[in-house]
């Protein structure tokens, strides 16, 4: 997420106000321009591991999420699963991929409208630094162009 995103906890109510970090509907988009997947995953891990007493998430978009801790764990699992899928797709070919080509391969069994295709392409280009500011895919021998 961006550096300008915050979450607030109201412990007396067991409430987490998540803003755009966890949504009640739709998908969080971590944009390639200014987004950082590592920071986003770290922020989700902080929420998952927090000792603060919250249960319900009140997102910036969508309805409240009653079992917030479970939802955060599912967000983390989904992102890590998607990353594994990206690496698997990239490992199936030699050379370079464009983000658009990768989206086409990953969503080949779904019909994506132009807006969703553009959003997915943007998300899959989001940087996920691993220590030395290198995308994990690049450290594993493949690269997006």
N, C-alpha and C. Protein backbone atom coordinates (compact mmCIF):
# COMPACT_ATOMS: atom_id res chain seq x y z
N UNK A 1 0.85 -1.17 0.00
CA UNK A 1 0.00 0.00 0.00
C UNK A 1 0.89 1.23 0.00
N UNK A 2 0.27 2.34 -0.19
CA UNK A 2 1.02 3.58 -0.18
C UNK A 2 1.41 3.98 1.23
N UNK A 3 2.38 4.83 1.31
CA UNK A 3 2.83 5.29 2.62
C UNK A 3 1.79 6.16 3.31
N UNK A 4 0.79 6.58 2.57
CA UNK A 4 -0.23 7.44 3.13
C UNK A 4 -1.46 6.66 3.61
N UNK A 5 -1.36 5.34 3.70
CA UNK A 5 -2.48 4.51 4.16
C UNK A 5 -2.28 4.15 5.62
N UNK A 6 -3.36 4.21 6.38
CA UNK A 6 -3.30 3.85 7.79
C UNK A 6 -4.53 3.02 8.15
N UNK A 7 -4.42 2.29 9.26
CA UNK A 7 -5.54 1.58 9.85
C UNK A 7 -5.69 2.10 11.27
N UNK A 8 -6.92 2.10 11.75
CA UNK A 8 -7.22 2.55 13.10
C UNK A 8 -7.96 1.45 13.83
N UNK A 9 -7.64 1.28 15.13
CA UNK A 9 -8.32 0.29 15.96
C UNK A 9 -9.05 1.03 17.08
N UNK A 10 -10.30 0.65 17.28
CA UNK A 10 -11.09 1.12 18.41
C UNK A 10 -11.32 -0.12 19.28
N UNK A 11 -10.40 -0.35 20.23
CA UNK A 11 -10.41 -1.59 21.01
C UNK A 11 -11.71 -1.77 21.79
N UNK A 12 -12.29 -0.68 22.30
CA UNK A 12 -13.51 -0.80 23.09
C UNK A 12 -14.64 -1.45 22.29
N UNK A 13 -14.61 -1.28 20.99
CA UNK A 13 -15.64 -1.84 20.11
C UNK A 13 -15.17 -3.09 19.37
N UNK A 14 -13.89 -3.45 19.53
CA UNK A 14 -13.34 -4.58 18.78
C UNK A 14 -13.32 -4.32 17.29
N UNK A 15 -13.08 -3.05 16.93
CA UNK A 15 -13.20 -2.62 15.54
C UNK A 15 -11.86 -2.20 14.95
N UNK A 16 -11.62 -2.64 13.72
CA UNK A 16 -10.48 -2.20 12.93
C UNK A 16 -11.02 -1.45 11.72
N UNK A 17 -10.61 -0.21 11.57
CA UNK A 17 -10.97 0.58 10.40
C UNK A 17 -9.80 0.47 9.43
N UNK A 18 -10.00 -0.32 8.37
CA UNK A 18 -8.88 -0.73 7.51
C UNK A 18 -8.62 0.16 6.31
N UNK A 19 -9.47 1.14 6.06
CA UNK A 19 -9.26 1.96 4.88
C UNK A 19 -9.23 1.10 3.63
N UNK A 20 -8.16 1.22 2.84
CA UNK A 20 -8.01 0.42 1.61
C UNK A 20 -7.15 -0.82 1.81
N UNK A 21 -6.71 -1.10 3.03
CA UNK A 21 -5.83 -2.23 3.27
C UNK A 21 -6.55 -3.57 3.14
N UNK A 22 -7.77 -3.64 3.64
CA UNK A 22 -8.63 -4.82 3.51
C UNK A 22 -9.99 -4.28 3.12
N UNK A 23 -10.57 -4.84 2.07
CA UNK A 23 -11.84 -4.35 1.55
C UNK A 23 -12.98 -5.30 1.87
N UNK A 24 -14.16 -4.75 2.00
CA UNK A 24 -15.35 -5.58 2.22
C UNK A 24 -15.90 -6.13 0.92
N UNK A 25 -15.47 -5.56 -0.21
CA UNK A 25 -15.90 -6.02 -1.53
C UNK A 25 -14.82 -5.64 -2.53
N UNK A 26 -14.59 -6.50 -3.49
CA UNK A 26 -13.60 -6.21 -4.52
C UNK A 26 -12.21 -6.64 -4.13
N UNK A 27 -11.24 -6.18 -4.90
CA UNK A 27 -9.85 -6.58 -4.73
C UNK A 27 -8.99 -5.36 -4.48
N UNK A 28 -8.08 -5.47 -3.55
CA UNK A 28 -7.10 -4.42 -3.30
C UNK A 28 -6.13 -4.40 -4.46
N UNK A 29 -5.89 -3.23 -5.01
CA UNK A 29 -4.93 -3.09 -6.10
C UNK A 29 -3.69 -2.39 -5.57
N UNK A 30 -2.55 -3.04 -5.75
CA UNK A 30 -1.26 -2.45 -5.41
C UNK A 30 -0.65 -2.04 -6.74
N UNK A 31 -0.71 -0.75 -7.06
CA UNK A 31 -0.30 -0.31 -8.40
C UNK A 31 1.20 -0.40 -8.63
N UNK A 32 1.57 -0.61 -9.88
CA UNK A 32 2.98 -0.68 -10.25
C UNK A 32 3.66 0.67 -10.01
N UNK A 33 2.94 1.74 -10.22
CA UNK A 33 3.50 3.08 -10.05
C UNK A 33 3.28 3.54 -8.61
N UNK A 34 4.27 3.34 -7.76
CA UNK A 34 4.18 3.77 -6.37
C UNK A 34 3.74 2.69 -5.41
N UNK A 35 3.31 1.55 -5.91
CA UNK A 35 2.90 0.46 -5.02
C UNK A 35 4.08 -0.41 -4.64
N UNK A 36 3.95 -1.12 -3.55
CA UNK A 36 5.02 -1.99 -3.07
C UNK A 36 4.38 -3.21 -2.42
N UNK A 37 4.43 -4.32 -3.12
CA UNK A 37 3.77 -5.53 -2.63
C UNK A 37 4.37 -6.00 -1.31
N UNK A 38 5.67 -5.87 -1.14
CA UNK A 38 6.30 -6.27 0.13
C UNK A 38 5.71 -5.46 1.28
N UNK A 39 5.60 -4.15 1.11
CA UNK A 39 5.03 -3.31 2.17
C UNK A 39 3.59 -3.71 2.45
N UNK A 40 2.84 -4.00 1.39
CA UNK A 40 1.46 -4.40 1.57
C UNK A 40 1.37 -5.70 2.36
N UNK A 41 2.17 -6.71 1.98
CA UNK A 41 2.16 -7.97 2.71
C UNK A 41 2.62 -7.78 4.15
N UNK A 42 3.62 -6.92 4.36
CA UNK A 42 4.07 -6.63 5.71
C UNK A 42 2.96 -6.00 6.54
N UNK A 43 2.18 -5.09 5.93
CA UNK A 43 1.10 -4.45 6.66
C UNK A 43 0.02 -5.47 7.03
N UNK A 44 -0.27 -6.41 6.13
CA UNK A 44 -1.23 -7.45 6.44
C UNK A 44 -0.72 -8.35 7.57
N UNK A 45 0.58 -8.64 7.55
CA UNK A 45 1.16 -9.46 8.62
C UNK A 45 1.08 -8.75 9.96
N UNK A 46 1.29 -7.43 9.95
CA UNK A 46 1.15 -6.66 11.19
C UNK A 46 -0.27 -6.77 11.74
N UNK A 47 -1.26 -6.67 10.85
CA UNK A 47 -2.65 -6.80 11.29
C UNK A 47 -2.92 -8.20 11.83
N UNK A 48 -2.43 -9.20 11.12
CA UNK A 48 -2.66 -10.60 11.54
C UNK A 48 -2.05 -10.87 12.91
N UNK A 49 -0.86 -10.33 13.14
CA UNK A 49 -0.12 -10.64 14.37
C UNK A 49 -0.37 -9.65 15.51
N UNK A 50 -1.16 -8.63 15.25
CA UNK A 50 -1.40 -7.60 16.26
C UNK A 50 -2.06 -8.18 17.51
N UNK A 51 -1.61 -7.70 18.66
CA UNK A 51 -2.20 -8.14 19.92
C UNK A 51 -3.37 -7.26 20.33
N UNK A 52 -3.65 -6.25 19.52
CA UNK A 52 -4.79 -5.39 19.81
C UNK A 52 -6.08 -6.19 19.69
N UNK A 53 -7.04 -5.85 20.51
CA UNK A 53 -8.30 -6.61 20.56
C UNK A 53 -9.29 -6.08 19.53
N UNK A 54 -9.20 -6.61 18.31
CA UNK A 54 -10.19 -6.26 17.29
C UNK A 54 -10.70 -7.55 16.64
N UNK A 55 -11.94 -7.51 16.21
CA UNK A 55 -12.57 -8.66 15.56
C UNK A 55 -13.12 -8.27 14.20
N UNK A 56 -13.89 -7.20 14.20
CA UNK A 56 -14.61 -6.80 13.00
C UNK A 56 -13.82 -5.74 12.25
N UNK A 57 -13.74 -5.93 10.92
CA UNK A 57 -13.09 -4.94 10.07
C UNK A 57 -14.17 -4.07 9.44
N UNK A 58 -13.97 -2.77 9.52
CA UNK A 58 -14.82 -1.79 8.85
C UNK A 58 -13.97 -1.18 7.73
N UNK A 59 -14.10 -1.72 6.52
CA UNK A 59 -13.25 -1.27 5.42
C UNK A 59 -13.70 0.07 4.84
N UNK A 60 -12.80 0.68 4.09
CA UNK A 60 -13.13 1.91 3.40
C UNK A 60 -14.14 1.69 2.28
N UNK A 61 -14.25 0.47 1.79
CA UNK A 61 -15.18 0.12 0.70
C UNK A 61 -15.82 -1.22 1.04
N UNK A 62 -17.12 -1.29 0.93
CA UNK A 62 -17.83 -2.54 1.14
C UNK A 62 -18.33 -2.70 2.57
N UNK A 63 -19.01 -3.82 2.81
CA UNK A 63 -19.63 -4.06 4.11
C UNK A 63 -18.60 -4.47 5.16
N UNK A 64 -18.99 -4.40 6.44
CA UNK A 64 -18.10 -4.87 7.51
C UNK A 64 -17.79 -6.36 7.35
N UNK A 65 -16.64 -6.75 7.88
CA UNK A 65 -16.20 -8.14 7.83
C UNK A 65 -16.17 -8.64 9.27
N UNK A 66 -17.10 -9.53 9.63
CA UNK A 66 -17.26 -9.97 11.02
C UNK A 66 -16.03 -10.71 11.54
N UNK A 67 -15.48 -11.62 10.75
CA UNK A 67 -14.30 -12.39 11.19
C UNK A 67 -13.07 -11.79 10.52
N UNK A 68 -12.65 -10.65 11.02
CA UNK A 68 -11.56 -9.89 10.40
C UNK A 68 -10.23 -10.61 10.39
N UNK A 69 -9.90 -11.31 11.47
CA UNK A 69 -8.61 -12.01 11.53
C UNK A 69 -8.53 -13.08 10.44
N UNK A 70 -9.65 -13.79 10.23
CA UNK A 70 -9.68 -14.80 9.17
C UNK A 70 -9.53 -14.15 7.80
N UNK A 71 -10.19 -13.01 7.61
CA UNK A 71 -10.11 -12.31 6.33
C UNK A 71 -8.68 -11.87 6.03
N UNK A 72 -7.97 -11.36 7.03
CA UNK A 72 -6.58 -10.93 6.83
C UNK A 72 -5.72 -12.13 6.46
N UNK A 73 -5.91 -13.25 7.14
CA UNK A 73 -5.15 -14.47 6.81
C UNK A 73 -5.44 -14.91 5.38
N UNK A 74 -6.70 -14.81 4.95
CA UNK A 74 -7.05 -15.17 3.58
C UNK A 74 -6.41 -14.23 2.56
N UNK A 75 -6.33 -12.94 2.86
CA UNK A 75 -5.67 -11.99 1.98
C UNK A 75 -4.20 -12.37 1.79
N UNK A 76 -3.54 -12.68 2.90
CA UNK A 76 -2.12 -13.06 2.83
C UNK A 76 -1.97 -14.33 2.01
N UNK A 77 -2.77 -15.35 2.31
CA UNK A 77 -2.69 -16.62 1.57
C UNK A 77 -2.92 -16.40 0.08
N UNK A 78 -3.91 -15.55 -0.26
CA UNK A 78 -4.22 -15.30 -1.67
C UNK A 78 -3.03 -14.64 -2.37
N UNK A 79 -2.44 -13.62 -1.76
CA UNK A 79 -1.31 -12.92 -2.39
C UNK A 79 -0.12 -13.84 -2.57
N UNK A 80 0.19 -14.65 -1.57
CA UNK A 80 1.32 -15.56 -1.69
C UNK A 80 1.04 -16.65 -2.72
N UNK A 81 -0.19 -17.11 -2.79
CA UNK A 81 -0.59 -18.09 -3.80
C UNK A 81 -0.45 -17.50 -5.19
N UNK A 82 -0.89 -16.25 -5.36
CA UNK A 82 -0.79 -15.58 -6.66
C UNK A 82 0.68 -15.41 -7.05
N UNK A 83 1.53 -15.08 -6.10
CA UNK A 83 2.95 -14.93 -6.40
C UNK A 83 3.55 -16.26 -6.86
N UNK A 84 3.16 -17.34 -6.20
CA UNK A 84 3.63 -18.66 -6.61
C UNK A 84 3.16 -18.98 -8.02
N UNK A 85 1.91 -18.62 -8.32
CA UNK A 85 1.37 -18.84 -9.67
C UNK A 85 2.17 -18.03 -10.70
N UNK A 86 2.50 -16.80 -10.38
CA UNK A 86 3.29 -15.95 -11.29
C UNK A 86 4.63 -16.61 -11.57
N UNK A 87 5.31 -17.05 -10.52
CA UNK A 87 6.62 -17.68 -10.70
C UNK A 87 6.51 -18.95 -11.53
N UNK A 88 5.44 -19.72 -11.30
CA UNK A 88 5.23 -20.95 -12.08
C UNK A 88 5.02 -20.61 -13.56
N UNK A 89 4.19 -19.61 -13.83
CA UNK A 89 3.93 -19.19 -15.21
C UNK A 89 5.22 -18.70 -15.87
N UNK A 90 5.98 -17.91 -15.14
CA UNK A 90 7.22 -17.39 -15.70
C UNK A 90 8.24 -18.50 -15.94
N UNK A 91 8.21 -19.51 -15.09
CA UNK A 91 9.14 -20.62 -15.24
C UNK A 91 8.83 -21.51 -16.43
N UNK A 92 7.60 -21.41 -16.97
CA UNK A 92 7.20 -22.24 -18.10
C UNK A 92 7.74 -21.75 -19.43
N UNK A 93 8.33 -20.57 -19.46
CA UNK A 93 8.81 -20.00 -20.72
C UNK A 93 10.25 -19.54 -20.57
N UNK A 94 10.90 -19.37 -21.70
CA UNK A 94 12.25 -18.81 -21.72
C UNK A 94 12.15 -17.35 -22.15
N UNK A 95 13.05 -16.53 -21.70
CA UNK A 95 13.06 -15.13 -22.13
C UNK A 95 12.22 -14.24 -21.25
N UNK A 96 11.71 -13.18 -21.84
CA UNK A 96 10.98 -12.17 -21.10
C UNK A 96 9.50 -12.20 -21.42
N UNK A 97 8.73 -11.75 -20.48
CA UNK A 97 7.28 -11.63 -20.56
C UNK A 97 6.90 -10.18 -20.39
N UNK A 98 5.85 -9.76 -21.05
CA UNK A 98 5.26 -8.48 -20.69
C UNK A 98 4.23 -8.78 -19.60
N UNK A 99 3.89 -7.79 -18.80
CA UNK A 99 2.88 -7.99 -17.76
C UNK A 99 1.55 -8.39 -18.40
N UNK A 100 1.22 -7.80 -19.55
CA UNK A 100 -0.02 -8.16 -20.24
C UNK A 100 -0.05 -9.61 -20.68
N UNK A 101 1.08 -10.12 -21.17
CA UNK A 101 1.16 -11.53 -21.56
C UNK A 101 0.99 -12.45 -20.35
N UNK A 102 1.58 -12.05 -19.24
CA UNK A 102 1.46 -12.84 -18.02
C UNK A 102 -0.01 -12.89 -17.57
N UNK A 103 -0.69 -11.77 -17.59
CA UNK A 103 -2.11 -11.74 -17.21
C UNK A 103 -2.91 -12.64 -18.14
N UNK A 104 -2.62 -12.61 -19.43
CA UNK A 104 -3.31 -13.49 -20.37
C UNK A 104 -3.14 -14.95 -20.03
N UNK A 105 -1.94 -15.34 -19.62
CA UNK A 105 -1.68 -16.74 -19.24
C UNK A 105 -2.36 -17.10 -17.92
N UNK A 106 -2.29 -16.20 -16.96
CA UNK A 106 -2.83 -16.50 -15.63
C UNK A 106 -4.35 -16.56 -15.62
N UNK A 107 -4.98 -15.78 -16.46
CA UNK A 107 -6.44 -15.71 -16.48
C UNK A 107 -7.00 -16.31 -17.77
N UNK A 108 -6.31 -17.27 -18.35
CA UNK A 108 -6.72 -17.83 -19.64
C UNK A 108 -8.08 -18.53 -19.56
N UNK A 109 -8.48 -18.94 -18.37
CA UNK A 109 -9.77 -19.63 -18.23
C UNK A 109 -10.90 -18.67 -17.85
N UNK A 110 -10.63 -17.37 -17.87
CA UNK A 110 -11.65 -16.37 -17.52
C UNK A 110 -11.72 -15.30 -18.60
N UNK A 111 -12.89 -14.72 -18.73
CA UNK A 111 -13.06 -13.59 -19.63
C UNK A 111 -12.90 -12.33 -18.78
N UNK A 112 -11.87 -11.55 -19.07
CA UNK A 112 -11.64 -10.31 -18.34
C UNK A 112 -12.01 -9.13 -19.22
N UNK A 113 -12.83 -8.24 -18.68
CA UNK A 113 -13.13 -7.00 -19.40
C UNK A 113 -11.89 -6.12 -19.45
N UNK A 114 -11.88 -5.11 -20.31
CA UNK A 114 -10.70 -4.26 -20.46
C UNK A 114 -10.25 -3.60 -19.15
N UNK A 115 -11.20 -3.18 -18.31
CA UNK A 115 -10.83 -2.52 -17.07
C UNK A 115 -10.15 -3.49 -16.11
N UNK A 116 -10.71 -4.70 -15.98
CA UNK A 116 -10.13 -5.68 -15.08
C UNK A 116 -8.79 -6.17 -15.61
N UNK A 117 -8.67 -6.34 -16.93
CA UNK A 117 -7.39 -6.75 -17.51
C UNK A 117 -6.32 -5.69 -17.23
N UNK A 118 -6.67 -4.42 -17.37
CA UNK A 118 -5.72 -3.35 -17.10
C UNK A 118 -5.33 -3.33 -15.63
N UNK A 119 -6.30 -3.53 -14.73
CA UNK A 119 -6.00 -3.55 -13.30
C UNK A 119 -5.12 -4.73 -12.95
N UNK A 120 -5.41 -5.91 -13.50
CA UNK A 120 -4.60 -7.09 -13.21
C UNK A 120 -3.18 -6.91 -13.73
N UNK A 121 -3.05 -6.32 -14.90
CA UNK A 121 -1.72 -6.07 -15.46
C UNK A 121 -0.94 -5.14 -14.55
N UNK A 122 -1.60 -4.11 -14.06
CA UNK A 122 -0.97 -3.15 -13.15
C UNK A 122 -0.52 -3.85 -11.88
N UNK A 123 -1.37 -4.68 -11.30
CA UNK A 123 -1.04 -5.37 -10.06
C UNK A 123 0.15 -6.30 -10.25
N UNK A 124 0.19 -7.03 -11.34
CA UNK A 124 1.25 -8.00 -11.54
C UNK A 124 2.59 -7.34 -11.86
N UNK A 125 2.57 -6.04 -12.12
CA UNK A 125 3.82 -5.32 -12.31
C UNK A 125 4.30 -4.66 -11.03
N UNK A 126 3.47 -4.70 -9.97
CA UNK A 126 3.84 -4.06 -8.71
C UNK A 126 5.13 -4.67 -8.18
N UNK A 127 5.98 -3.84 -7.69
CA UNK A 127 7.27 -4.29 -7.19
C UNK A 127 7.11 -5.00 -5.86
N UNK A 128 7.84 -6.05 -5.71
CA UNK A 128 7.90 -6.73 -4.43
C UNK A 128 9.37 -6.89 -4.09
N UNK A 129 9.98 -5.84 -3.53
CA UNK A 129 11.40 -5.93 -3.21
C UNK A 129 11.69 -7.06 -2.24
N UNK A 130 12.81 -7.71 -2.45
CA UNK A 130 13.23 -8.77 -1.53
C UNK A 130 14.64 -8.45 -1.06
N UNK A 131 14.75 -7.55 -0.12
CA UNK A 131 16.04 -7.20 0.44
C UNK A 131 16.80 -6.19 -0.38
N UNK A 132 17.15 -6.53 -1.59
CA UNK A 132 17.99 -5.64 -2.40
C UNK A 132 17.19 -4.93 -3.48
N UNK A 133 15.89 -4.75 -3.25
CA UNK A 133 15.04 -4.02 -4.19
C UNK A 133 14.95 -4.71 -5.55
N UNK A 134 15.00 -6.03 -5.53
CA UNK A 134 14.89 -6.82 -6.76
C UNK A 134 13.64 -7.66 -6.66
N UNK A 135 12.84 -7.66 -7.69
CA UNK A 135 11.62 -8.45 -7.72
C UNK A 135 11.97 -9.92 -7.54
N UNK A 136 11.18 -10.65 -6.74
CA UNK A 136 11.46 -12.06 -6.48
C UNK A 136 11.54 -12.84 -7.79
N UNK A 137 10.70 -12.51 -8.74
CA UNK A 137 10.74 -13.22 -10.02
C UNK A 137 12.10 -13.04 -10.68
N UNK A 138 12.68 -11.85 -10.60
CA UNK A 138 13.98 -11.62 -11.21
C UNK A 138 15.06 -12.40 -10.48
N UNK A 139 14.95 -12.52 -9.15
CA UNK A 139 15.96 -13.27 -8.41
C UNK A 139 15.89 -14.76 -8.73
N UNK A 140 14.75 -15.21 -9.25
CA UNK A 140 14.59 -16.61 -9.60
C UNK A 140 14.88 -16.86 -11.08
N UNK A 141 15.45 -15.86 -11.76
CA UNK A 141 15.92 -16.08 -13.12
C UNK A 141 14.99 -15.70 -14.23
N UNK A 142 13.89 -15.01 -13.94
CA UNK A 142 12.98 -14.56 -14.98
C UNK A 142 12.71 -13.07 -14.79
N UNK A 143 12.22 -12.42 -15.81
CA UNK A 143 12.00 -10.99 -15.70
C UNK A 143 10.77 -10.57 -16.49
N UNK A 144 10.09 -9.59 -15.96
CA UNK A 144 9.01 -8.94 -16.71
C UNK A 144 9.57 -7.76 -17.43
N UNK A 145 9.16 -7.54 -18.65
CA UNK A 145 9.64 -6.36 -19.35
C UNK A 145 8.61 -5.27 -19.31
